[in-house]
Amino acid sequence: MLHEYRDIISKLKVDNAHFAKIFEKHNELDQKITDVDEGREHMSDLDLDALKKEKLKLKDEAYAIIVAYKKENNL
């Protein structure tokens, strides 16, 4: 997720507990979606769509935190 901000993400994961939680949950959802897509897990299309929407919401929230961090630190 957001690989171009790798250094900022590493710092935020240590310094910002909320960001770390968002990042971890995003990765968990990503793995679950991958497992469904690759047939290791099964769920309805409706449930899968809900997971994808939640994952996108978390990514948007993480991105907003990154943008705020960049602005605060003049990066």
C-alpha atoms as a PDB file:
ATOM      1  CA  MET A   1       0.000   0.000   0.000  1.00  0.00           C
ATOM      2  CA  LEU A   2       1.295   3.438  -0.976  1.00  0.00           C
ATOM      3  CA  HIS A   3       4.822   2.190  -1.688  1.00  0.00           C
ATOM      4  CA  GLU A   4       6.052   5.615  -2.745  1.00  0.00           C
ATOM      5  CA  TYR A   5       5.685   6.709   0.908  1.00  0.00           C
ATOM      6  CA  ARG A   6       7.611   3.756   2.361  1.00  0.00           C
ATOM      7  CA  ASP A   7       9.862   5.893   4.599  1.00  0.00           C
ATOM      8  CA  ILE A   8       6.980   7.942   5.997  1.00  0.00           C
ATOM      9  CA  ILE A   9       4.898   4.809   6.542  1.00  0.00           C
ATOM     10  CA  SER A  10       7.741   3.193   8.503  1.00  0.00           C
ATOM     11  CA  LYS A  11       7.994   6.246  10.733  1.00  0.00           C
ATOM     12  CA  LEU A  12       4.244   6.568  11.230  1.00  0.00           C
ATOM     13  CA  LYS A  13       3.867   2.879  12.114  1.00  0.00           C
ATOM     14  CA  VAL A  14       6.232   3.497  15.040  1.00  0.00           C
ATOM     15  CA  ASP A  15       5.091   6.975  16.086  1.00  0.00           C
ATOM     16  CA  ASN A  16       1.326   6.841  15.455  1.00  0.00           C
ATOM     17  CA  ALA A  17      -0.638   3.969  17.017  1.00  0.00           C
ATOM     18  CA  HIS A  18      -3.787   4.815  15.051  1.00  0.00           C
ATOM     19  CA  PHE A  19      -1.891   4.732  11.763  1.00  0.00           C
ATOM     20  CA  ALA A  20      -0.271   1.422  12.736  1.00  0.00           C
ATOM     21  CA  LYS A  21      -3.709  -0.062  13.458  1.00  0.00           C
ATOM     22  CA  ILE A  22      -5.111   1.180  10.135  1.00  0.00           C
ATOM     23  CA  PHE A  23      -2.091  -0.168   8.256  1.00  0.00           C
ATOM     24  CA  GLU A  24      -2.326  -3.578   9.948  1.00  0.00           C
ATOM     25  CA  LYS A  25      -6.076  -3.881   9.313  1.00  0.00           C
ATOM     26  CA  HIS A  26      -5.571  -2.877   5.662  1.00  0.00           C
ATOM     27  CA  ASN A  27      -2.967  -5.615   5.234  1.00  0.00           C
ATOM     28  CA  GLU A  28      -5.235  -8.189   6.909  1.00  0.00           C
ATOM     29  CA  LEU A  29      -8.081  -7.304   4.548  1.00  0.00           C
ATOM     30  CA  ASP A  30      -5.717  -7.393   1.578  1.00  0.00           C
ATOM     31  CA  GLN A  31      -4.644 -10.934   2.513  1.00  0.00           C
ATOM     32  CA  LYS A  32      -8.226 -12.074   3.035  1.00  0.00           C
ATOM     33  CA  ILE A  33      -9.298 -10.642  -0.336  1.00  0.00           C
ATOM     34  CA  THR A  34      -6.324 -12.336  -2.010  1.00  0.00           C
ATOM     35  CA  ASP A  35      -7.259 -15.639  -0.349  1.00  0.00           C
ATOM     36  CA  VAL A  36     -10.802 -15.358  -1.701  1.00  0.00           C
ATOM     37  CA  ASP A  37      -9.621 -14.325  -5.174  1.00  0.00           C
ATOM     38  CA  GLU A  38      -7.220 -17.276  -5.302  1.00  0.00           C
ATOM     39  CA  GLY A  39      -9.801 -19.778  -4.020  1.00  0.00           C
ATOM     40  CA  ARG A  40      -8.281 -20.469  -0.584  1.00  0.00           C
ATOM     41  CA  GLU A  41     -11.348 -18.943   1.099  1.00  0.00           C
ATOM     42  CA  HIS A  42     -14.930 -18.617  -0.004  1.00  0.00           C
ATOM     43  CA  MET A  43     -17.457 -15.845   0.534  1.00  0.00           C
ATOM     44  CA  SER A  44     -20.296 -14.227  -1.322  1.00  0.00           C
ATOM     45  CA  ASP A  45     -19.637 -11.503  -3.865  1.00  0.00           C
ATOM     46  CA  LEU A  46     -21.536  -9.093  -1.628  1.00  0.00           C
ATOM     47  CA  ASP A  47     -19.292  -9.854   1.356  1.00  0.00           C
ATOM     48  CA  LEU A  48     -16.181  -9.605  -0.816  1.00  0.00           C
ATOM     49  CA  ASP A  49     -17.302  -6.220  -2.132  1.00  0.00           C
ATOM     50  CA  ALA A  50     -17.827  -5.035   1.455  1.00  0.00           C
ATOM     51  CA  LEU A  51     -14.257  -6.079   2.343  1.00  0.00           C
ATOM     52  CA  LYS A  52     -12.892  -4.252  -0.688  1.00  0.00           C
ATOM     53  CA  LYS A  53     -14.783  -1.087   0.263  1.00  0.00           C
ATOM     54  CA  GLU A  54     -13.509  -1.279   3.839  1.00  0.00           C
ATOM     55  CA  LYS A  55      -9.951  -1.790   2.575  1.00  0.00           C
ATOM     56  CA  LEU A  56     -10.256   1.256   0.314  1.00  0.00           C
ATOM     57  CA  LYS A  57     -11.641   3.350   3.191  1.00  0.00           C
ATOM     58  CA  LEU A  58      -8.634   2.376   5.326  1.00  0.00           C
ATOM     59  CA  LYS A  59      -6.254   3.235   2.491  1.00  0.00           C
ATOM     60  CA  ASP A  60      -7.887   6.647   2.097  1.00  0.00           C
ATOM     61  CA  GLU A  61      -7.579   7.264   5.840  1.00  0.00           C
ATOM     62  CA  ALA A  62      -3.925   6.197   5.855  1.00  0.00           C
ATOM     63  CA  TYR A  63      -3.225   8.444   2.884  1.00  0.00           C
ATOM     64  CA  ALA A  64      -4.818  11.408   4.667  1.00  0.00           C
ATOM     65  CA  ILE A  65      -2.536  10.811   7.658  1.00  0.00           C
ATOM     66  CA  ILE A  66       0.498  10.624   5.357  1.00  0.00           C
ATOM     67  CA  VAL A  67      -0.463  13.876   3.622  1.00  0.00           C
ATOM     68  CA  ALA A  68      -0.924  15.608   6.995  1.00  0.00           C
ATOM     69  CA  TYR A  69       2.452  14.290   8.168  1.00  0.00           C
ATOM     70  CA  LYS A  70       4.143  15.561   4.996  1.00  0.00           C
ATOM     71  CA  LYS A  71       2.549  18.971   5.442  1.00  0.00           C
ATOM     72  CA  GLU A  72       3.483  19.206   9.140  1.00  0.00           C
ATOM     73  CA  ASN A  73       7.083  18.246   8.388  1.00  0.00           C
ATOM     74  CA  ASN A  74       7.455  20.280   5.169  1.00  0.00           C
ATOM     75  CA  LEU A  75       8.257  17.202   3.092  1.00  0.00           C
END
